[in-house]
Every structure is written in C-alpha cells, then in structure tokens.
C-alpha cells in the first residue's frame, strides 16, 4: 500500500476513527496465498494505539463474477508478537483470482481519533495461463 518507512513513525495512511476500510487495486491479477499487515515498530513509536486490531480482507476480480467479493482472511493483530504479521488466506478461497482487495477493520488498539495503515501486502502468484482466467468467468 505504502512504501516501507524503514521504522519511521508518521509514514502511514491515516483513517479517521477506530473503524473503516481501504480498497486497493493490485498491479496484476493474483491468486492470493497470504496477507501481511505492518505497523510501525515499537522501538521507534511511543504510541501504537492507532494500529488496526480486528481485520477482514476481501478480494475480488473486477472483470469476473460481476466483482463479487469473497473473504480472503480474518484476523486480529497482536502488537506484542510483531509489528509485521502475516496471515494465510482461507482454504475455502481455493484458486480464486483477485485484482482488488479491501481491508476492513472494526477496531484498533485504543486510539479513538484515527487508525494508521502502514503497509498491506498480498502474497500469491499470477495465474499460469490465459485458460485459467477464462475458467473464472
């Protein structure tokens, strides 16, 4: 979503309040395998209460299935574990193609005024052939 800030606080995408969403169009069509959410490291930030906590990531392909969204992952971020956390995509997704993802969060770690998204990554691979794209329509 954003370029790595190399641990510098303040290089985030701020959203008003403690809940909301961001929607991102991927560079290429992808078969997602994992989602990584990153927040600023505790070594450089005195307050990490703006980190998203309870999250859902949805995906869809705008050109297929009329852009029908499906759940890729559901997770809670635990800042005591790490500022960078990776979550596997649900098994039920199978080989679903996505070109757009949406991160929804219903809470953060305590900030009532804003939530910061530092980096969101979608890990996966590109479809191997045009026939795979055709089977999805």
N, C-alpha and C. Protein backbone atom coordinates (compact mmCIF):
# COMPACT_ATOMS: atom_id res chain seq x y z
N UNK A 1 0.83 -1.18 0.00
CA UNK A 1 0.00 0.00 0.00
C UNK A 1 0.87 1.24 0.00
N UNK A 2 1.74 1.34 0.96
CA UNK A 2 2.69 2.44 1.02
C UNK A 2 4.09 1.86 0.93
N UNK A 3 5.03 2.68 0.56
CA UNK A 3 6.41 2.24 0.54
C UNK A 3 6.88 2.03 1.97
N UNK A 4 7.79 1.07 2.18
CA UNK A 4 8.29 0.84 3.54
C UNK A 4 8.87 2.13 4.13
N UNK A 5 8.57 2.34 5.42
CA UNK A 5 9.06 3.56 6.07
C UNK A 5 10.35 3.30 6.84
N UNK A 6 10.82 2.05 6.80
CA UNK A 6 12.05 1.66 7.49
C UNK A 6 12.01 2.08 8.95
N UNK A 7 10.85 1.83 9.57
CA UNK A 7 10.72 2.06 11.00
C UNK A 7 10.45 3.47 11.43
N UNK A 8 10.25 4.38 10.50
CA UNK A 8 9.99 5.77 10.86
C UNK A 8 8.50 5.97 11.12
N UNK A 9 8.13 6.47 12.30
CA UNK A 9 6.72 6.74 12.54
C UNK A 9 6.25 7.92 11.70
N UNK A 10 4.97 7.93 11.40
CA UNK A 10 4.40 9.06 10.67
C UNK A 10 4.20 8.82 9.20
N UNK A 11 4.81 7.78 8.64
CA UNK A 11 4.65 7.48 7.23
C UNK A 11 3.51 6.48 7.06
N UNK A 12 2.31 6.90 7.42
CA UNK A 12 1.17 6.00 7.36
C UNK A 12 0.05 6.61 6.53
N UNK A 13 -0.95 5.76 6.26
CA UNK A 13 -2.17 6.20 5.62
C UNK A 13 -3.20 6.30 6.74
N UNK A 14 -3.48 7.52 7.24
CA UNK A 14 -4.38 7.66 8.39
C UNK A 14 -5.85 7.66 7.97
N UNK A 15 -6.66 6.99 8.76
CA UNK A 15 -8.10 6.96 8.55
C UNK A 15 -8.78 7.44 9.82
N UNK A 16 -9.75 8.33 9.68
CA UNK A 16 -10.44 8.90 10.82
C UNK A 16 -11.23 7.83 11.57
N UNK A 17 -11.09 7.82 12.89
CA UNK A 17 -11.85 6.90 13.73
C UNK A 17 -11.14 5.59 13.98
N UNK A 18 -11.87 4.69 14.67
CA UNK A 18 -11.28 3.40 15.03
C UNK A 18 -11.80 2.24 14.17
N UNK A 19 -12.57 2.57 13.14
CA UNK A 19 -13.02 1.54 12.20
C UNK A 19 -13.10 2.16 10.80
N UNK A 20 -13.02 1.29 9.80
CA UNK A 20 -13.07 1.77 8.42
C UNK A 20 -12.54 0.74 7.46
N UNK A 21 -12.17 1.20 6.27
CA UNK A 21 -11.63 0.27 5.28
C UNK A 21 -10.76 1.02 4.28
N UNK A 22 -9.90 0.26 3.62
CA UNK A 22 -9.16 0.74 2.46
C UNK A 22 -9.34 -0.29 1.35
N UNK A 23 -9.45 0.19 0.14
CA UNK A 23 -9.62 -0.68 -1.02
C UNK A 23 -8.46 -0.42 -1.96
N UNK A 24 -7.84 -1.50 -2.45
CA UNK A 24 -6.63 -1.37 -3.24
C UNK A 24 -6.74 -2.21 -4.50
N UNK A 25 -6.44 -1.59 -5.64
CA UNK A 25 -6.37 -2.32 -6.91
C UNK A 25 -4.94 -2.83 -7.06
N UNK A 26 -4.80 -4.14 -7.26
CA UNK A 26 -3.48 -4.75 -7.39
C UNK A 26 -2.89 -4.46 -8.77
N UNK A 27 -1.59 -4.54 -8.84
CA UNK A 27 -0.89 -4.27 -10.10
C UNK A 27 -1.26 -5.30 -11.16
N UNK A 28 -1.40 -6.58 -10.74
CA UNK A 28 -1.76 -7.66 -11.66
C UNK A 28 -2.77 -8.57 -10.98
N UNK A 29 -3.45 -9.36 -11.80
CA UNK A 29 -4.34 -10.39 -11.26
C UNK A 29 -3.50 -11.39 -10.48
N UNK A 30 -4.02 -11.83 -9.33
CA UNK A 30 -3.25 -12.63 -8.40
C UNK A 30 -4.10 -13.76 -7.86
N UNK A 31 -3.48 -14.88 -7.54
CA UNK A 31 -4.11 -15.94 -6.76
C UNK A 31 -3.51 -15.81 -5.37
N UNK A 32 -4.23 -15.22 -4.43
CA UNK A 32 -3.66 -14.88 -3.12
C UNK A 32 -3.41 -16.11 -2.25
N UNK A 33 -2.31 -16.04 -1.48
CA UNK A 33 -1.94 -17.12 -0.56
C UNK A 33 -1.82 -16.61 0.88
N UNK A 34 -1.45 -15.34 1.05
CA UNK A 34 -1.27 -14.79 2.39
C UNK A 34 -1.41 -13.27 2.34
N UNK A 35 -1.70 -12.69 3.50
CA UNK A 35 -1.84 -11.25 3.66
C UNK A 35 -0.90 -10.81 4.77
N UNK A 36 -0.15 -9.73 4.54
CA UNK A 36 0.72 -9.17 5.58
C UNK A 36 0.27 -7.76 5.90
N UNK A 37 0.13 -7.48 7.19
CA UNK A 37 -0.19 -6.15 7.67
C UNK A 37 0.96 -5.69 8.55
N UNK A 38 1.44 -4.49 8.29
CA UNK A 38 2.60 -3.95 9.01
C UNK A 38 2.23 -2.65 9.70
N UNK A 39 2.75 -2.51 10.92
CA UNK A 39 2.61 -1.27 11.67
C UNK A 39 4.01 -0.83 12.10
N UNK A 40 4.13 0.38 12.58
CA UNK A 40 5.44 0.89 12.99
C UNK A 40 5.97 0.06 14.17
N UNK A 41 7.27 -0.14 14.20
CA UNK A 41 7.91 -0.93 15.25
C UNK A 41 7.87 -0.21 16.59
N UNK A 42 7.72 -0.97 17.66
CA UNK A 42 7.64 -0.36 19.00
C UNK A 42 8.95 0.30 19.41
N UNK A 43 10.06 -0.03 18.77
CA UNK A 43 11.34 0.58 19.10
C UNK A 43 11.41 2.05 18.69
N UNK A 44 10.55 2.46 17.76
CA UNK A 44 10.59 3.86 17.29
C UNK A 44 9.29 4.63 17.52
N UNK A 45 8.27 3.96 18.05
CA UNK A 45 6.99 4.65 18.27
C UNK A 45 6.62 4.58 19.75
N UNK A 46 6.31 5.70 20.31
CA UNK A 46 5.92 5.72 21.72
C UNK A 46 4.45 5.33 21.90
N UNK A 47 3.64 5.45 20.85
CA UNK A 47 2.22 5.13 20.94
C UNK A 47 1.80 4.37 19.69
N UNK A 48 1.39 3.12 19.85
CA UNK A 48 0.95 2.31 18.71
C UNK A 48 -0.54 2.01 18.79
N UNK A 49 -1.27 2.84 19.52
CA UNK A 49 -2.71 2.60 19.69
C UNK A 49 -3.50 2.78 18.40
N UNK A 50 -2.89 3.37 17.39
CA UNK A 50 -3.58 3.59 16.11
C UNK A 50 -3.51 2.38 15.18
N UNK A 51 -2.85 1.31 15.60
CA UNK A 51 -2.74 0.10 14.76
C UNK A 51 -4.09 -0.60 14.65
N UNK A 52 -4.46 -1.06 13.46
CA UNK A 52 -5.70 -1.83 13.31
C UNK A 52 -5.63 -3.10 14.16
N UNK A 53 -6.77 -3.54 14.66
CA UNK A 53 -6.78 -4.73 15.52
C UNK A 53 -7.58 -5.87 14.88
N UNK A 54 -8.89 -5.75 14.83
CA UNK A 54 -9.73 -6.81 14.26
C UNK A 54 -9.98 -6.51 12.79
N UNK A 55 -9.51 -7.43 11.94
CA UNK A 55 -9.48 -7.15 10.49
C UNK A 55 -10.08 -8.28 9.66
N UNK A 56 -10.60 -7.89 8.51
CA UNK A 56 -11.08 -8.80 7.49
C UNK A 56 -10.51 -8.29 6.17
N UNK A 57 -10.06 -9.21 5.33
CA UNK A 57 -9.57 -8.84 4.00
C UNK A 57 -10.42 -9.59 2.98
N UNK A 58 -11.01 -8.83 2.07
CA UNK A 58 -11.83 -9.38 1.00
C UNK A 58 -11.11 -9.18 -0.33
N UNK A 59 -11.42 -10.03 -1.27
CA UNK A 59 -10.84 -9.90 -2.60
C UNK A 59 -11.88 -10.15 -3.67
N UNK A 60 -11.61 -9.65 -4.85
CA UNK A 60 -12.48 -9.91 -5.99
C UNK A 60 -11.73 -9.51 -7.25
N UNK A 61 -12.29 -9.96 -8.37
CA UNK A 61 -11.74 -9.59 -9.67
C UNK A 61 -12.81 -8.76 -10.36
N UNK A 62 -12.47 -7.53 -10.71
CA UNK A 62 -13.47 -6.62 -11.26
C UNK A 62 -14.02 -7.08 -12.61
N UNK A 63 -13.28 -7.94 -13.31
CA UNK A 63 -13.73 -8.37 -14.63
C UNK A 63 -14.51 -9.68 -14.63
N UNK A 64 -14.57 -10.39 -13.49
CA UNK A 64 -15.22 -11.70 -13.43
C UNK A 64 -16.22 -11.74 -12.29
N UNK A 65 -17.22 -12.56 -12.44
CA UNK A 65 -18.25 -12.75 -11.41
C UNK A 65 -18.84 -11.43 -10.93
N UNK A 66 -18.95 -10.47 -11.81
CA UNK A 66 -19.53 -9.16 -11.51
C UNK A 66 -18.89 -8.51 -10.27
N UNK A 67 -17.61 -8.77 -10.09
CA UNK A 67 -16.91 -8.15 -8.97
C UNK A 67 -17.36 -8.65 -7.61
N UNK A 68 -17.83 -9.90 -7.54
CA UNK A 68 -18.33 -10.46 -6.28
C UNK A 68 -17.18 -10.63 -5.27
N UNK A 69 -17.33 -10.01 -4.09
CA UNK A 69 -16.32 -10.09 -3.04
C UNK A 69 -16.38 -11.42 -2.31
N UNK A 70 -15.19 -11.93 -1.94
CA UNK A 70 -15.15 -13.11 -1.08
C UNK A 70 -14.07 -12.89 -0.02
N UNK A 71 -14.29 -13.50 1.14
CA UNK A 71 -13.40 -13.33 2.28
C UNK A 71 -12.09 -14.07 2.04
N UNK A 72 -10.98 -13.33 2.12
CA UNK A 72 -9.66 -13.93 1.99
C UNK A 72 -9.09 -14.32 3.36
N UNK A 73 -9.24 -13.43 4.34
CA UNK A 73 -8.66 -13.69 5.67
C UNK A 73 -9.39 -12.87 6.72
N UNK A 74 -9.42 -13.42 7.93
CA UNK A 74 -9.97 -12.75 9.09
C UNK A 74 -8.95 -12.92 10.20
N UNK A 75 -8.57 -11.83 10.87
CA UNK A 75 -7.51 -11.93 11.87
C UNK A 75 -7.55 -10.78 12.85
N UNK A 76 -6.87 -10.97 13.96
CA UNK A 76 -6.63 -9.92 14.95
C UNK A 76 -5.14 -9.71 15.05
N UNK A 77 -4.71 -8.47 14.96
CA UNK A 77 -3.29 -8.15 15.07
C UNK A 77 -2.90 -8.07 16.54
N UNK A 78 -1.81 -8.72 16.88
CA UNK A 78 -1.28 -8.72 18.24
C UNK A 78 0.06 -8.01 18.21
N UNK A 79 0.09 -6.75 18.61
CA UNK A 79 1.31 -5.95 18.55
C UNK A 79 2.40 -6.43 19.48
N UNK A 80 2.06 -7.30 20.43
CA UNK A 80 3.09 -7.85 21.31
C UNK A 80 3.91 -8.91 20.59
N UNK A 81 3.36 -9.50 19.55
CA UNK A 81 4.08 -10.52 18.79
C UNK A 81 5.10 -9.88 17.84
N UNK A 82 4.62 -8.98 16.99
CA UNK A 82 5.48 -8.37 15.98
C UNK A 82 4.72 -7.21 15.33
N UNK A 83 5.46 -6.26 14.78
CA UNK A 83 4.80 -5.18 14.05
C UNK A 83 4.46 -5.59 12.62
N UNK A 84 5.04 -6.70 12.15
CA UNK A 84 4.74 -7.25 10.82
C UNK A 84 4.13 -8.63 11.04
N UNK A 85 2.88 -8.82 10.61
CA UNK A 85 2.21 -10.09 10.81
C UNK A 85 1.62 -10.58 9.51
N UNK A 86 1.82 -11.87 9.25
CA UNK A 86 1.33 -12.49 8.02
C UNK A 86 0.28 -13.54 8.37
N UNK A 87 -0.80 -13.55 7.60
CA UNK A 87 -1.92 -14.44 7.83
C UNK A 87 -2.23 -15.18 6.53
N UNK A 88 -2.41 -16.49 6.63
CA UNK A 88 -2.73 -17.29 5.45
C UNK A 88 -4.14 -16.99 4.97
N UNK A 89 -4.32 -17.08 3.66
CA UNK A 89 -5.65 -16.94 3.06
C UNK A 89 -6.45 -18.18 3.41
N UNK A 90 -7.74 -18.02 3.64
CA UNK A 90 -8.62 -19.13 3.99
C UNK A 90 -8.58 -20.23 2.93
N UNK A 91 -8.64 -21.48 3.36
CA UNK A 91 -8.62 -22.61 2.43
C UNK A 91 -9.80 -22.58 1.47
N UNK A 92 -10.92 -22.05 1.90
CA UNK A 92 -12.14 -22.03 1.08
C UNK A 92 -12.00 -21.16 -0.17
N UNK A 93 -10.99 -20.29 -0.18
CA UNK A 93 -10.79 -19.41 -1.35
C UNK A 93 -10.35 -20.21 -2.56
N UNK A 94 -9.59 -21.29 -2.34
CA UNK A 94 -9.12 -22.12 -3.44
C UNK A 94 -8.21 -21.33 -4.36
N UNK A 95 -8.50 -21.34 -5.64
CA UNK A 95 -7.66 -20.64 -6.61
C UNK A 95 -8.39 -19.42 -7.16
N UNK A 96 -9.10 -18.71 -6.29
CA UNK A 96 -9.83 -17.52 -6.72
C UNK A 96 -8.91 -16.42 -7.21
N UNK A 97 -9.26 -15.80 -8.29
CA UNK A 97 -8.47 -14.72 -8.86
C UNK A 97 -8.93 -13.39 -8.29
N UNK A 98 -7.98 -12.55 -7.93
CA UNK A 98 -8.32 -11.21 -7.45
C UNK A 98 -7.45 -10.17 -8.14
N UNK A 99 -8.03 -9.01 -8.34
CA UNK A 99 -7.25 -7.86 -8.79
C UNK A 99 -7.50 -6.66 -7.88
N UNK A 100 -8.39 -6.86 -6.88
CA UNK A 100 -8.72 -5.81 -5.93
C UNK A 100 -8.89 -6.44 -4.56
N UNK A 101 -8.38 -5.77 -3.53
CA UNK A 101 -8.57 -6.23 -2.16
C UNK A 101 -9.11 -5.08 -1.32
N UNK A 102 -9.77 -5.46 -0.24
CA UNK A 102 -10.32 -4.48 0.69
C UNK A 102 -9.99 -4.95 2.11
N UNK A 103 -9.32 -4.08 2.87
CA UNK A 103 -9.04 -4.32 4.28
C UNK A 103 -10.08 -3.58 5.09
N UNK A 104 -10.89 -4.32 5.84
CA UNK A 104 -11.87 -3.74 6.76
C UNK A 104 -11.35 -3.94 8.18
N UNK A 105 -11.50 -2.95 9.02
CA UNK A 105 -11.15 -3.11 10.43
C UNK A 105 -12.26 -2.50 11.27
N UNK A 106 -12.58 -3.19 12.36
CA UNK A 106 -13.68 -2.75 13.21
C UNK A 106 -13.17 -2.19 14.54
N UNK A 107 -11.87 -2.26 14.74
CA UNK A 107 -11.29 -1.70 15.96
C UNK A 107 -9.80 -1.49 15.73
N UNK A 108 -9.23 -0.67 16.62
CA UNK A 108 -7.77 -0.51 16.64
C UNK A 108 -7.31 -0.78 18.07
N UNK A 109 -6.09 -0.43 18.38
CA UNK A 109 -5.53 -0.73 19.70
C UNK A 109 -5.75 0.40 20.70
N UNK A 110 -6.79 1.21 20.51
CA UNK A 110 -7.17 2.18 21.53
C UNK A 110 -7.30 3.63 21.12
N UNK A 111 -6.85 4.00 19.93
CA UNK A 111 -6.97 5.40 19.52
C UNK A 111 -8.39 5.70 19.05
N UNK A 112 -9.08 6.64 19.70
CA UNK A 112 -10.44 6.97 19.25
C UNK A 112 -10.47 7.89 18.04
N UNK A 113 -9.35 8.57 17.75
CA UNK A 113 -9.38 9.59 16.71
C UNK A 113 -8.94 9.11 15.32
N UNK A 114 -8.02 8.14 15.24
CA UNK A 114 -7.57 7.70 13.92
C UNK A 114 -6.95 6.31 13.99
N UNK A 115 -6.87 5.68 12.81
CA UNK A 115 -6.21 4.39 12.63
C UNK A 115 -5.20 4.55 11.51
N UNK A 116 -4.00 4.03 11.70
CA UNK A 116 -2.93 4.15 10.70
C UNK A 116 -2.68 2.81 10.02
N UNK A 117 -2.64 2.85 8.71
CA UNK A 117 -2.24 1.69 7.92
C UNK A 117 -0.85 2.01 7.37
N UNK A 118 0.14 1.24 7.76
CA UNK A 118 1.49 1.47 7.28
C UNK A 118 1.77 0.69 6.01
N UNK A 119 1.42 -0.60 6.01
CA UNK A 119 1.69 -1.39 4.82
C UNK A 119 0.80 -2.61 4.80
N UNK A 120 0.20 -2.87 3.66
CA UNK A 120 -0.61 -4.05 3.44
C UNK A 120 -0.05 -4.75 2.21
N UNK A 121 0.24 -6.03 2.34
CA UNK A 121 0.79 -6.79 1.22
C UNK A 121 -0.09 -8.00 0.94
N UNK A 122 -0.25 -8.32 -0.33
CA UNK A 122 -0.94 -9.54 -0.75
C UNK A 122 0.12 -10.43 -1.39
N UNK A 123 0.31 -11.60 -0.80
CA UNK A 123 1.29 -12.56 -1.32
C UNK A 123 0.54 -13.64 -2.11
N UNK A 124 1.10 -14.03 -3.22
CA UNK A 124 0.47 -15.06 -4.03
C UNK A 124 1.24 -15.23 -5.32
N UNK A 125 0.56 -15.71 -6.31
CA UNK A 125 1.19 -15.88 -7.61
C UNK A 125 0.21 -15.52 -8.71
N UNK A 126 0.77 -15.20 -9.85
CA UNK A 126 -0.05 -14.87 -11.01
C UNK A 126 -0.57 -16.15 -11.64
N UNK A 127 -1.74 -16.09 -12.27
CA UNK A 127 -2.25 -17.27 -12.97
C UNK A 127 -1.25 -17.73 -14.02
N UNK A 128 -1.18 -19.05 -14.24
CA UNK A 128 -0.17 -19.59 -15.15
C UNK A 128 -0.56 -19.52 -16.61
N UNK A 129 -1.84 -19.34 -16.90
CA UNK A 129 -2.23 -19.32 -18.32
C UNK A 129 -3.50 -18.52 -18.51
N UNK A 130 -3.74 -18.17 -19.76
CA UNK A 130 -4.95 -17.45 -20.12
C UNK A 130 -6.17 -18.33 -19.90
N UNK A 131 -6.01 -19.66 -20.07
CA UNK A 131 -7.15 -20.56 -19.88
C UNK A 131 -7.64 -20.52 -18.43
N UNK A 132 -6.77 -20.28 -17.49
CA UNK A 132 -7.17 -20.17 -16.09
C UNK A 132 -8.05 -18.94 -15.90
N UNK A 133 -7.72 -17.85 -16.56
CA UNK A 133 -8.56 -16.67 -16.49
C UNK A 133 -9.93 -16.95 -17.10
N UNK A 134 -9.96 -17.70 -18.19
CA UNK A 134 -11.21 -17.99 -18.87
C UNK A 134 -12.13 -18.85 -18.00
N UNK A 135 -11.57 -19.78 -17.21
CA UNK A 135 -12.39 -20.64 -16.37
C UNK A 135 -13.03 -19.89 -15.21
N UNK A 136 -12.53 -18.72 -14.88
CA UNK A 136 -13.08 -17.95 -13.79
C UNK A 136 -14.30 -17.12 -14.21
N UNK A 137 -14.53 -16.96 -15.51
CA UNK A 137 -15.65 -16.13 -15.94
C UNK A 137 -16.93 -16.89 -16.06
